[in-house]
Amino acid sequence: MKNMKGFRNIVVYRYGKIDDEFAYTFMKENINNFDNILRCVEGIMDKY
């Protein structure tokens, strides 16, 4: 999750200046984290 937070900061603060290869590699290597985050968000939303 810490890596995901760091990646989020890169995306937010360097929008338009992101190295596409870096972004692709990072997302490919961390795709399971995206699934975990999605499940957490869905779990929170199901409570409401």
PDB file of N, CA and C in Angstrom:
ATOM      1  N   MET A   1       0.823  -1.194   0.000  1.00  0.00           N
ATOM      2  CA  MET A   1       0.000   0.000   0.000  1.00  0.00           C
ATOM      3  C   MET A   1       0.868   1.259   0.000  1.00  0.00           C
ATOM      4  N   LYS A   2       1.997   1.190   0.677  1.00  0.00           N
ATOM      5  CA  LYS A   2       2.873   2.359   0.724  1.00  0.00           C
ATOM      6  C   LYS A   2       3.345   2.732  -0.683  1.00  0.00           C
ATOM      7  N   ASN A   3       3.675   1.714  -1.479  1.00  0.00           N
ATOM      8  CA  ASN A   3       4.084   1.975  -2.867  1.00  0.00           C
ATOM      9  C   ASN A   3       2.956   2.598  -3.667  1.00  0.00           C
ATOM     10  N   MET A   4       1.724   2.149  -3.409  1.00  0.00           N
ATOM     11  CA  MET A   4       0.569   2.692  -4.124  1.00  0.00           C
ATOM     12  C   MET A   4       0.384   4.168  -3.780  1.00  0.00           C
ATOM     13  N   LYS A   5       0.597   4.520  -2.511  1.00  0.00           N
ATOM     14  CA  LYS A   5       0.474   5.918  -2.103  1.00  0.00           C
ATOM     15  C   LYS A   5       1.519   6.770  -2.824  1.00  0.00           C
ATOM     16  N   GLY A   6       2.725   6.256  -2.895  1.00  0.00           N
ATOM     17  CA  GLY A   6       3.782   6.979  -3.592  1.00  0.00           C
ATOM     18  C   GLY A   6       3.471   7.147  -5.068  1.00  0.00           C
ATOM     19  N   PHE A   7       2.930   6.100  -5.677  1.00  0.00           N
ATOM     20  CA  PHE A   7       2.559   6.180  -7.091  1.00  0.00           C
ATOM     21  C   PHE A   7       1.443   7.189  -7.291  1.00  0.00           C
ATOM     22  N   ARG A   8       0.492   7.194  -6.383  1.00  0.00           N
ATOM     23  CA  ARG A   8      -0.615   8.165  -6.461  1.00  0.00           C
ATOM     24  C   ARG A   8      -0.070   9.589  -6.441  1.00  0.00           C
ATOM     25  N   ASN A   9       0.892   9.838  -5.573  1.00  0.00           N
ATOM     26  CA  ASN A   9       1.480  11.177  -5.494  1.00  0.00           C
ATOM     27  C   ASN A   9       2.171  11.555  -6.796  1.00  0.00           C
ATOM     28  N   ILE A  10       2.836  10.602  -7.415  1.00  0.00           N
ATOM     29  CA  ILE A  10       3.488  10.877  -8.705  1.00  0.00           C
ATOM     30  C   ILE A  10       2.438  11.232  -9.744  1.00  0.00           C
ATOM     31  N   VAL A  11       1.360  10.471  -9.773  1.00  0.00           N
ATOM     32  CA  VAL A  11       0.308  10.711 -10.759  1.00  0.00           C
ATOM     33  C   VAL A  11      -0.351  12.069 -10.534  1.00  0.00           C
ATOM     34  N   VAL A  12      -0.642  12.389  -9.289  1.00  0.00           N
ATOM     35  CA  VAL A  12      -1.357  13.635  -8.980  1.00  0.00           C
ATOM     36  C   VAL A  12      -0.488  14.861  -9.213  1.00  0.00           C
ATOM     37  N   TYR A  13       0.730  14.828  -8.750  1.00  0.00           N
ATOM     38  CA  TYR A  13       1.548  16.036  -8.776  1.00  0.00           C
ATOM     39  C   TYR A  13       2.408  16.193 -10.014  1.00  0.00           C
ATOM     40  N   ARG A  14       2.520  15.139 -10.823  1.00  0.00           N
ATOM     41  CA  ARG A  14       3.330  15.236 -12.031  1.00  0.00           C
ATOM     42  C   ARG A  14       2.511  14.894 -13.254  1.00  0.00           C
ATOM     43  N   TYR A  15       1.222  15.152 -13.185  1.00  0.00           N
ATOM     44  CA  TYR A  15       0.321  14.820 -14.290  1.00  0.00           C
ATOM     45  C   TYR A  15       0.834  15.413 -15.599  1.00  0.00           C
ATOM     46  N   GLY A  16       0.879  14.578 -16.615  1.00  0.00           N
ATOM     47  CA  GLY A  16       1.379  15.037 -17.910  1.00  0.00           C
ATOM     48  C   GLY A  16       2.873  14.870 -18.070  1.00  0.00           C
ATOM     49  N   LYS A  17       3.577  14.583 -16.983  1.00  0.00           N
ATOM     50  CA  LYS A  17       5.022  14.426 -17.025  1.00  0.00           C
ATOM     51  C   LYS A  17       5.434  13.036 -16.558  1.00  0.00           C
ATOM     52  N   ILE A  18       4.507  12.095 -16.586  1.00  0.00           N
ATOM     53  CA  ILE A  18       4.776  10.753 -16.096  1.00  0.00           C
ATOM     54  C   ILE A  18       5.442   9.931 -17.190  1.00  0.00           C
ATOM     55  N   ASP A  19       6.451   9.207 -16.807  1.00  0.00           N
ATOM     56  CA  ASP A  19       7.113   8.281 -17.721  1.00  0.00           C
ATOM     57  C   ASP A  19       6.166   7.104 -17.946  1.00  0.00           C
ATOM     58  N   ASP A  20       5.664   6.965 -19.159  1.00  0.00           N
ATOM     59  CA  ASP A  20       4.685   5.925 -19.463  1.00  0.00           C
ATOM     60  C   ASP A  20       5.201   4.528 -19.153  1.00  0.00           C
ATOM     61  N   GLU A  21       6.459   4.280 -19.450  1.00  0.00           N
ATOM     62  CA  GLU A  21       7.026   2.955 -19.190  1.00  0.00           C
ATOM     63  C   GLU A  21       7.056   2.667 -17.689  1.00  0.00           C
ATOM     64  N   PHE A  22       7.437   3.663 -16.901  1.00  0.00           N
ATOM     65  CA  PHE A  22       7.437   3.505 -15.442  1.00  0.00           C
ATOM     66  C   PHE A  22       6.030   3.218 -14.940  1.00  0.00           C
ATOM     67  N   ALA A  23       5.053   3.989 -15.397  1.00  0.00           N
ATOM     68  CA  ALA A  23       3.675   3.815 -14.943  1.00  0.00           C
ATOM     69  C   ALA A  23       3.154   2.431 -15.321  1.00  0.00           C
ATOM     70  N   TYR A  24       3.408   2.005 -16.542  1.00  0.00           N
ATOM     71  CA  TYR A  24       2.949   0.686 -16.987  1.00  0.00           C
ATOM     72  C   TYR A  24       3.584  -0.422 -16.145  1.00  0.00           C
ATOM     73  N   THR A  25       4.879  -0.348 -15.961  1.00  0.00           N
ATOM     74  CA  THR A  25       5.589  -1.373 -15.178  1.00  0.00           C
ATOM     75  C   THR A  25       5.089  -1.401 -13.747  1.00  0.00           C
ATOM     76  N   PHE A  26       4.926  -0.236 -13.142  1.00  0.00           N
ATOM     77  CA  PHE A  26       4.454  -0.169 -11.759  1.00  0.00           C
ATOM     78  C   PHE A  26       3.069  -0.791 -11.634  1.00  0.00           C
ATOM     79  N   MET A  27       2.167  -0.423 -12.524  1.00  0.00           N
ATOM     80  CA  MET A  27       0.801  -0.953 -12.446  1.00  0.00           C
ATOM     81  C   MET A  27       0.775  -2.450 -12.707  1.00  0.00           C
ATOM     82  N   LYS A  28       1.581  -2.913 -13.648  1.00  0.00           N
ATOM     83  CA  LYS A  28       1.628  -4.339 -13.951  1.00  0.00           C
ATOM     84  C   LYS A  28       2.134  -5.131 -12.743  1.00  0.00           C
ATOM     85  N   GLU A  29       3.149  -4.606 -12.070  1.00  0.00           N
ATOM     86  CA  GLU A  29       3.731  -5.297 -10.925  1.00  0.00           C
ATOM     87  C   GLU A  29       2.853  -5.204  -9.679  1.00  0.00           C
ATOM     88  N   ASN A  30       1.957  -4.234  -9.624  1.00  0.00           N
ATOM     89  CA  ASN A  30       1.153  -4.000  -8.429  1.00  0.00           C
ATOM     90  C   ASN A  30      -0.343  -4.161  -8.679  1.00  0.00           C
ATOM     91  N   ILE A  31      -0.717  -4.875  -9.726  1.00  0.00           N
ATOM     92  CA  ILE A  31      -2.126  -4.996 -10.090  1.00  0.00           C
ATOM     93  C   ILE A  31      -2.953  -5.587  -8.950  1.00  0.00           C
ATOM     94  N   ASN A  32      -2.383  -6.492  -8.169  1.00  0.00           N
ATOM     95  CA  ASN A  32      -3.125  -7.076  -7.046  1.00  0.00           C
ATOM     96  C   ASN A  32      -3.485  -6.031  -6.001  1.00  0.00           C
ATOM     97  N   ASN A  33      -2.649  -5.037  -5.835  1.00  0.00           N
ATOM     98  CA  ASN A  33      -2.961  -3.972  -4.886  1.00  0.00           C
ATOM     99  C   ASN A  33      -4.190  -3.189  -5.326  1.00  0.00           C
ATOM    100  N   PHE A  34      -4.340  -2.983  -6.637  1.00  0.00           N
ATOM    101  CA  PHE A  34      -5.527  -2.297  -7.137  1.00  0.00           C
ATOM    102  C   PHE A  34      -6.777  -3.098  -6.791  1.00  0.00           C
ATOM    103  N   ASP A  35      -6.699  -4.413  -6.952  1.00  0.00           N
ATOM    104  CA  ASP A  35      -7.837  -5.273  -6.602  1.00  0.00           C
ATOM    105  C   ASP A  35      -8.143  -5.203  -5.113  1.00  0.00           C
ATOM    106  N   ASN A  36      -7.105  -5.208  -4.279  1.00  0.00           N
ATOM    107  CA  ASN A  36      -7.301  -5.130  -2.830  1.00  0.00           C
ATOM    108  C   ASN A  36      -7.943  -3.804  -2.428  1.00  0.00           C
ATOM    109  N   ILE A  37      -7.490  -2.736  -3.009  1.00  0.00           N
ATOM    110  CA  ILE A  37      -8.052  -1.417  -2.701  1.00  0.00           C
ATOM    111  C   ILE A  37      -9.512  -1.363  -3.133  1.00  0.00           C
ATOM    112  N   LEU A  38      -9.799  -1.891  -4.319  1.00  0.00           N
ATOM    113  CA  LEU A  38     -11.174  -1.903  -4.812  1.00  0.00           C
ATOM    114  C   LEU A  38     -12.085  -2.683  -3.862  1.00  0.00           C
ATOM    115  N   ARG A  39     -11.632  -3.846  -3.402  1.00  0.00           N
ATOM    116  CA  ARG A  39     -12.434  -4.640  -2.463  1.00  0.00           C
ATOM    117  C   ARG A  39     -12.667  -3.876  -1.156  1.00  0.00           C
ATOM    118  N   CYS A  40     -11.659  -3.179  -0.670  1.00  0.00           N
ATOM    119  CA  CYS A  40     -11.807  -2.388   0.554  1.00  0.00           C
ATOM    120  C   CYS A  40     -12.842  -1.281   0.365  1.00  0.00           C
ATOM    121  N   VAL A  41     -12.756  -0.576  -0.747  1.00  0.00           N
ATOM    122  CA  VAL A  41     -13.711   0.505  -1.031  1.00  0.00           C
ATOM    123  C   VAL A  41     -15.120  -0.061  -1.167  1.00  0.00           C
ATOM    124  N   GLU A  42     -15.249  -1.185  -1.875  1.00  0.00           N
ATOM    125  CA  GLU A  42     -16.569  -1.801  -2.027  1.00  0.00           C
ATOM    126  C   GLU A  42     -17.131  -2.214  -0.665  1.00  0.00           C
ATOM    127  N   GLY A  43     -16.270  -2.740   0.217  1.00  0.00           N
ATOM    128  CA  GLY A  43     -16.713  -3.135   1.548  1.00  0.00           C
ATOM    129  C   GLY A  43     -17.214  -1.952   2.348  1.00  0.00           C
ATOM    130  N   ILE A  44     -16.541  -0.841   2.244  1.00  0.00           N
ATOM    131  CA  ILE A  44     -16.955   0.374   2.939  1.00  0.00           C
ATOM    132  C   ILE A  44     -18.286   0.864   2.377  1.00  0.00           C
ATOM    133  N   MET A  45     -18.408   0.862   1.055  1.00  0.00           N
ATOM    134  CA  MET A  45     -19.637   1.353   0.419  1.00  0.00           C
ATOM    135  C   MET A  45     -20.828   0.453   0.742  1.00  0.00           C
ATOM    136  N   ASP A  46     -20.597  -0.845   0.883  1.00  0.00           N
ATOM    137  CA  ASP A  46     -21.695  -1.772   1.222  1.00  0.00           C
ATOM    138  C   ASP A  46     -22.278  -1.489   2.589  1.00  0.00           C
ATOM    139  N   LYS A  47     -21.515  -0.854   3.459  1.00  0.00           N
ATOM    140  CA  LYS A  47     -21.999  -0.529   4.806  1.00  0.00           C
ATOM    141  C   LYS A  47     -23.025   0.605   4.795  1.00  0.00           C
ATOM    142  N   TYR A  48     -23.023   1.390   3.718  1.00  0.00           N
ATOM    143  CA  TYR A  48     -23.909   2.552   3.651  1.00  0.00           C
ATOM    144  C   TYR A  48     -25.061   2.279   2.792  1.00  0.00           C
TER     145      TYR A  48
END
